Structures are given as C-alpha cells and as structure tokens.
Amino acid sequence: MKILITGGKSIQALKIKNTFNDSDVVLADYGDAPQFPSDKYCFISIGERNDTIIAHNLLTICLDQAVDTLMPLYDFEIEEVIKSSVLFQEFNINILVPEKGQVISG
C-alpha cells in the first residue's frame, strides 16, 4: 500500500506515519517541503493552498504519486475530500478519515 498523509510537517503526520511501517508513505504539505532522503517516507509539496480546488489537487497528487490511500489531516481538506469521495473511489483511492485528535485546524 502507498499512502499519502497531508499535514506532512506536523507532529500528527509524523506520528501517524509510524503506524504504516509496511507501507510506502508520502508526507505532503502546503508550501515548501523538507528535502532529505529517507527509505521509509518522502516529503512532497501540495503547492499553495487553494480552497476552491482542494479535492482536485489532492486527487491529482494521488494519481501522480500512484497512491492508493489518502489520509487528509487538515480540517478544511476532510470535508472537501468526503464530498468528492465517489471520484476518489473511481480511481481506486481509499480515504482514511483521521480521529478527532489527529485533525489539524487550518
């Protein structure tokens, strides 16, 4: 499994990635992404935040990165991704909704 976790620069994302030891993990966040090599995960930039096309941007990144599971951590992403869940399902991308304590207020 390859999973994309948003909020990649947050402590929440770094803790969550440890639960996916047997998976390829992509940590993604808005703005600049840290650049350092790791065999366990990689960081990518989502680009600048644009609330009108959040779900579209996340779907595009999932397809570009060959991700089969998305875990959006930002509160503003979760609602948009859930509204677009049928579209993600059409591309065989599962959506994992974080627990309340894992959500990042944006």
N, C-alpha and C. Protein backbone atom coordinates (compact mmCIF):
# COMPACT_ATOMS: atom_id res chain seq x y z
N MET A 1 0.84 -1.18 0.00
CA MET A 1 0.00 0.00 0.00
C MET A 1 0.88 1.24 0.00
N LYS A 2 0.43 2.25 -0.72
CA LYS A 2 1.12 3.54 -0.72
C LYS A 2 0.11 4.57 -0.22
N ILE A 3 0.46 5.27 0.84
CA ILE A 3 -0.45 6.22 1.49
C ILE A 3 0.12 7.63 1.46
N LEU A 4 -0.76 8.58 1.18
CA LEU A 4 -0.41 9.99 1.23
C LEU A 4 -1.08 10.58 2.47
N ILE A 5 -0.29 11.20 3.32
CA ILE A 5 -0.78 11.85 4.53
C ILE A 5 -0.52 13.34 4.40
N THR A 6 -1.57 14.14 4.48
CA THR A 6 -1.38 15.58 4.40
C THR A 6 -0.98 16.12 5.77
N GLY A 7 -0.63 17.40 5.80
CA GLY A 7 -0.13 17.98 7.05
C GLY A 7 1.23 17.40 7.39
N GLY A 8 1.97 17.05 6.36
CA GLY A 8 3.22 16.30 6.49
C GLY A 8 4.28 16.88 7.40
N LYS A 9 4.23 18.18 7.63
CA LYS A 9 5.23 18.81 8.50
C LYS A 9 4.78 18.84 9.96
N SER A 10 3.59 18.32 10.24
CA SER A 10 3.04 18.36 11.60
C SER A 10 3.46 17.14 12.42
N ILE A 11 3.38 17.29 13.71
CA ILE A 11 3.69 16.18 14.61
C ILE A 11 2.65 15.07 14.44
N GLN A 12 1.40 15.44 14.14
CA GLN A 12 0.36 14.44 13.93
C GLN A 12 0.73 13.51 12.77
N ALA A 13 1.15 14.08 11.64
CA ALA A 13 1.51 13.29 10.47
C ALA A 13 2.71 12.40 10.75
N LEU A 14 3.69 12.95 11.46
CA LEU A 14 4.89 12.18 11.76
C LEU A 14 4.57 11.00 12.69
N LYS A 15 3.64 11.19 13.61
CA LYS A 15 3.23 10.09 14.48
C LYS A 15 2.43 9.05 13.69
N ILE A 16 1.53 9.50 12.84
CA ILE A 16 0.69 8.59 12.07
C ILE A 16 1.52 7.75 11.12
N LYS A 17 2.54 8.33 10.50
CA LYS A 17 3.35 7.57 9.54
C LYS A 17 3.96 6.33 10.17
N ASN A 18 4.22 6.38 11.47
CA ASN A 18 4.80 5.23 12.16
C ASN A 18 3.84 4.04 12.25
N THR A 19 2.56 4.28 12.07
CA THR A 19 1.59 3.17 12.09
C THR A 19 1.53 2.45 10.75
N PHE A 20 2.20 2.99 9.75
CA PHE A 20 2.21 2.39 8.42
C PHE A 20 3.60 1.89 8.05
N ASN A 21 4.21 1.13 8.93
CA ASN A 21 5.59 0.65 8.71
C ASN A 21 5.74 -0.22 7.48
N ASP A 22 4.69 -0.95 7.10
CA ASP A 22 4.79 -1.85 5.96
C ASP A 22 4.32 -1.19 4.66
N SER A 23 4.13 0.10 4.68
CA SER A 23 3.63 0.82 3.51
C SER A 23 4.63 1.88 3.06
N ASP A 24 4.48 2.29 1.80
CA ASP A 24 5.21 3.45 1.31
C ASP A 24 4.41 4.67 1.74
N VAL A 25 5.06 5.59 2.42
CA VAL A 25 4.37 6.77 2.95
C VAL A 25 4.88 8.02 2.24
N VAL A 26 3.93 8.84 1.80
CA VAL A 26 4.23 10.14 1.22
C VAL A 26 3.63 11.18 2.17
N LEU A 27 4.47 12.02 2.73
CA LEU A 27 4.01 13.12 3.58
C LEU A 27 3.92 14.37 2.71
N ALA A 28 2.76 15.00 2.69
CA ALA A 28 2.55 16.16 1.83
C ALA A 28 2.07 17.33 2.66
N ASP A 29 2.50 18.53 2.27
CA ASP A 29 2.05 19.72 2.97
C ASP A 29 2.09 20.90 2.02
N TYR A 30 1.44 21.97 2.42
CA TYR A 30 1.38 23.19 1.61
C TYR A 30 2.67 23.97 1.77
N GLY A 31 3.04 24.69 0.73
CA GLY A 31 4.28 25.46 0.75
C GLY A 31 5.48 24.57 0.48
N ASP A 32 6.61 24.96 1.01
CA ASP A 32 7.84 24.21 0.78
C ASP A 32 7.83 22.89 1.55
N ALA A 33 8.43 21.88 0.96
CA ALA A 33 8.55 20.58 1.61
C ALA A 33 10.01 20.34 1.97
N PRO A 34 10.25 19.76 3.13
CA PRO A 34 11.64 19.45 3.51
C PRO A 34 12.27 18.50 2.49
N GLN A 35 13.53 18.68 2.22
CA GLN A 35 14.23 17.84 1.24
C GLN A 35 15.33 17.05 1.94
N PHE A 36 15.04 15.83 2.30
CA PHE A 36 16.07 14.94 2.82
C PHE A 36 15.67 13.51 2.50
N PRO A 37 16.65 12.67 2.24
CA PRO A 37 16.36 11.30 1.82
C PRO A 37 15.95 10.42 3.00
N SER A 38 15.01 9.52 2.74
CA SER A 38 14.59 8.54 3.73
C SER A 38 14.08 7.32 2.98
N ASP A 39 14.40 6.15 3.46
CA ASP A 39 13.90 4.92 2.84
C ASP A 39 12.46 4.64 3.25
N LYS A 40 12.00 5.23 4.34
CA LYS A 40 10.69 4.92 4.88
C LYS A 40 9.58 5.84 4.36
N TYR A 41 9.91 7.07 3.98
CA TYR A 41 8.90 8.01 3.52
C TYR A 41 9.56 9.12 2.72
N CYS A 42 8.71 9.91 2.05
CA CYS A 42 9.22 11.09 1.34
C CYS A 42 8.28 12.26 1.61
N PHE A 43 8.79 13.46 1.43
CA PHE A 43 8.01 14.69 1.57
C PHE A 43 7.77 15.26 0.18
N ILE A 44 6.56 15.76 -0.04
CA ILE A 44 6.27 16.50 -1.27
C ILE A 44 5.45 17.73 -0.92
N SER A 45 5.46 18.70 -1.81
CA SER A 45 4.67 19.91 -1.63
C SER A 45 3.35 19.77 -2.36
N ILE A 46 2.28 20.19 -1.71
CA ILE A 46 0.97 20.24 -2.35
C ILE A 46 0.85 21.53 -3.16
N GLY A 47 1.74 22.47 -2.93
CA GLY A 47 1.67 23.78 -3.56
C GLY A 47 1.02 24.77 -2.62
N GLU A 48 0.55 25.85 -3.15
CA GLU A 48 -0.13 26.85 -2.33
C GLU A 48 -1.57 26.42 -2.09
N ARG A 49 -2.08 26.72 -0.93
CA ARG A 49 -3.45 26.36 -0.58
C ARG A 49 -4.43 27.12 -1.45
N ASN A 50 -5.38 26.39 -2.04
CA ASN A 50 -6.44 26.97 -2.85
C ASN A 50 -7.73 26.24 -2.49
N ASP A 51 -8.54 26.84 -1.64
CA ASP A 51 -9.73 26.19 -1.10
C ASP A 51 -10.76 25.79 -2.15
N THR A 52 -10.73 26.40 -3.32
CA THR A 52 -11.74 26.09 -4.33
C THR A 52 -11.45 24.79 -5.07
N ILE A 53 -10.20 24.30 -5.01
CA ILE A 53 -9.85 23.09 -5.76
C ILE A 53 -9.06 22.08 -4.92
N ILE A 54 -9.33 22.05 -3.62
CA ILE A 54 -8.58 21.17 -2.72
C ILE A 54 -8.69 19.71 -3.14
N ALA A 55 -9.92 19.22 -3.30
CA ALA A 55 -10.11 17.81 -3.63
C ALA A 55 -9.46 17.47 -4.97
N HIS A 56 -9.59 18.36 -5.94
CA HIS A 56 -8.98 18.13 -7.26
C HIS A 56 -7.45 18.04 -7.14
N ASN A 57 -6.85 18.97 -6.40
CA ASN A 57 -5.39 18.94 -6.22
C ASN A 57 -4.93 17.66 -5.53
N LEU A 58 -5.65 17.25 -4.48
CA LEU A 58 -5.26 16.03 -3.77
C LEU A 58 -5.43 14.80 -4.65
N LEU A 59 -6.49 14.76 -5.45
CA LEU A 59 -6.67 13.63 -6.37
C LEU A 59 -5.53 13.59 -7.39
N THR A 60 -5.18 14.73 -7.94
CA THR A 60 -4.09 14.79 -8.92
C THR A 60 -2.78 14.30 -8.32
N ILE A 61 -2.49 14.73 -7.09
CA ILE A 61 -1.26 14.30 -6.43
C ILE A 61 -1.29 12.80 -6.17
N CYS A 62 -2.43 12.29 -5.74
CA CYS A 62 -2.56 10.84 -5.52
C CYS A 62 -2.28 10.07 -6.80
N LEU A 63 -2.82 10.54 -7.90
CA LEU A 63 -2.60 9.86 -9.18
C LEU A 63 -1.15 9.98 -9.63
N ASP A 64 -0.57 11.16 -9.48
CA ASP A 64 0.83 11.37 -9.87
C ASP A 64 1.79 10.52 -9.04
N GLN A 65 1.47 10.32 -7.77
CA GLN A 65 2.35 9.58 -6.86
C GLN A 65 1.98 8.09 -6.78
N ALA A 66 0.98 7.66 -7.55
CA ALA A 66 0.50 6.27 -7.54
C ALA A 66 0.08 5.83 -6.13
N VAL A 67 -0.64 6.72 -5.46
CA VAL A 67 -1.11 6.48 -4.10
C VAL A 67 -2.44 5.74 -4.16
N ASP A 68 -2.63 4.79 -3.27
CA ASP A 68 -3.92 4.11 -3.23
C ASP A 68 -4.73 4.42 -1.98
N THR A 69 -4.15 5.20 -1.05
CA THR A 69 -4.86 5.61 0.16
C THR A 69 -4.48 7.04 0.50
N LEU A 70 -5.48 7.85 0.84
CA LEU A 70 -5.28 9.25 1.21
C LEU A 70 -5.79 9.45 2.63
N MET A 71 -4.98 10.11 3.45
CA MET A 71 -5.41 10.49 4.79
C MET A 71 -5.23 11.99 4.94
N PRO A 72 -6.30 12.77 4.72
CA PRO A 72 -6.22 14.22 4.87
C PRO A 72 -6.30 14.59 6.34
N LEU A 73 -5.35 15.37 6.84
CA LEU A 73 -5.35 15.73 8.25
C LEU A 73 -5.90 17.13 8.52
N TYR A 74 -5.85 18.02 7.54
CA TYR A 74 -6.36 19.37 7.76
C TYR A 74 -7.89 19.36 7.74
N ASP A 75 -8.50 20.09 8.66
CA ASP A 75 -9.96 20.12 8.74
C ASP A 75 -10.59 20.63 7.44
N PHE A 76 -9.98 21.59 6.78
CA PHE A 76 -10.54 22.14 5.54
C PHE A 76 -10.44 21.14 4.37
N GLU A 77 -9.57 20.17 4.46
CA GLU A 77 -9.44 19.14 3.41
C GLU A 77 -10.47 18.03 3.59
N ILE A 78 -10.68 17.65 4.83
CA ILE A 78 -11.52 16.48 5.12
C ILE A 78 -12.91 16.61 4.52
N GLU A 79 -13.57 17.74 4.76
CA GLU A 79 -14.92 17.93 4.25
C GLU A 79 -14.95 17.87 2.72
N GLU A 80 -13.99 18.52 2.07
CA GLU A 80 -13.95 18.53 0.60
C GLU A 80 -13.67 17.14 0.03
N VAL A 81 -12.78 16.41 0.66
CA VAL A 81 -12.45 15.06 0.18
C VAL A 81 -13.65 14.13 0.36
N ILE A 82 -14.33 14.24 1.49
CA ILE A 82 -15.52 13.40 1.72
C ILE A 82 -16.60 13.71 0.68
N LYS A 83 -16.80 14.99 0.37
CA LYS A 83 -17.78 15.36 -0.66
C LYS A 83 -17.41 14.75 -2.02
N SER A 84 -16.12 14.58 -2.27
CA SER A 84 -15.63 14.06 -3.55
C SER A 84 -15.25 12.58 -3.47
N SER A 85 -15.70 11.89 -2.45
CA SER A 85 -15.25 10.51 -2.23
C SER A 85 -15.58 9.58 -3.39
N VAL A 86 -16.69 9.81 -4.08
CA VAL A 86 -17.04 8.97 -5.22
C VAL A 86 -15.97 9.08 -6.31
N LEU A 87 -15.48 10.28 -6.52
CA LEU A 87 -14.43 10.49 -7.53
C LEU A 87 -13.16 9.74 -7.14
N PHE A 88 -12.77 9.81 -5.87
CA PHE A 88 -11.59 9.08 -5.41
C PHE A 88 -11.80 7.57 -5.58
N GLN A 89 -13.00 7.10 -5.28
CA GLN A 89 -13.30 5.67 -5.43
C GLN A 89 -13.20 5.22 -6.87
N GLU A 90 -13.59 6.08 -7.81
CA GLU A 90 -13.50 5.74 -9.23
C GLU A 90 -12.06 5.45 -9.65
N PHE A 91 -11.11 6.06 -8.95
CA PHE A 91 -9.69 5.84 -9.23
C PHE A 91 -9.05 4.87 -8.23
N ASN A 92 -9.89 4.13 -7.50
CA ASN A 92 -9.43 3.13 -6.52
C ASN A 92 -8.52 3.72 -5.46
N ILE A 93 -8.88 4.92 -5.00
CA ILE A 93 -8.13 5.57 -3.92
C ILE A 93 -9.02 5.57 -2.68
N ASN A 94 -8.55 4.90 -1.65
CA ASN A 94 -9.27 4.84 -0.38
C ASN A 94 -9.02 6.12 0.41
N ILE A 95 -10.00 6.52 1.20
CA ILE A 95 -9.88 7.69 2.05
C ILE A 95 -9.94 7.23 3.50
N LEU A 96 -8.92 7.58 4.26
CA LEU A 96 -8.91 7.32 5.70
C LEU A 96 -9.19 8.63 6.41
N VAL A 97 -10.25 8.66 7.19
CA VAL A 97 -10.58 9.87 7.94
C VAL A 97 -9.88 9.77 9.29
N PRO A 98 -9.13 10.79 9.65
CA PRO A 98 -8.39 10.75 10.92
C PRO A 98 -9.33 10.83 12.13
N GLU A 99 -8.82 10.38 13.26
CA GLU A 99 -9.55 10.53 14.50
C GLU A 99 -9.54 12.00 14.91
N LYS A 100 -10.48 12.36 15.75
CA LYS A 100 -10.64 13.77 16.14
C LYS A 100 -9.34 14.41 16.64
N GLY A 101 -8.57 13.71 17.44
CA GLY A 101 -7.33 14.26 17.99
C GLY A 101 -6.19 14.38 16.98
N GLN A 102 -6.38 13.81 15.80
CA GLN A 102 -5.36 13.87 14.76
C GLN A 102 -5.58 15.00 13.76
N VAL A 103 -6.77 15.59 13.78
CA VAL A 103 -7.13 16.64 12.83
C VAL A 103 -6.38 17.93 13.15
N ILE A 104 -5.90 18.58 12.09
CA ILE A 104 -5.18 19.85 12.22
C ILE A 104 -6.12 20.97 11.82
N SER A 105 -6.31 21.94 12.69
CA SER A 105 -7.14 23.11 12.36
C SER A 105 -6.37 24.00 11.41
N GLY A 106 -7.01 24.37 10.34
CA GLY A 106 -6.31 25.18 9.36
C GLY A 106 -6.99 26.44 9.15
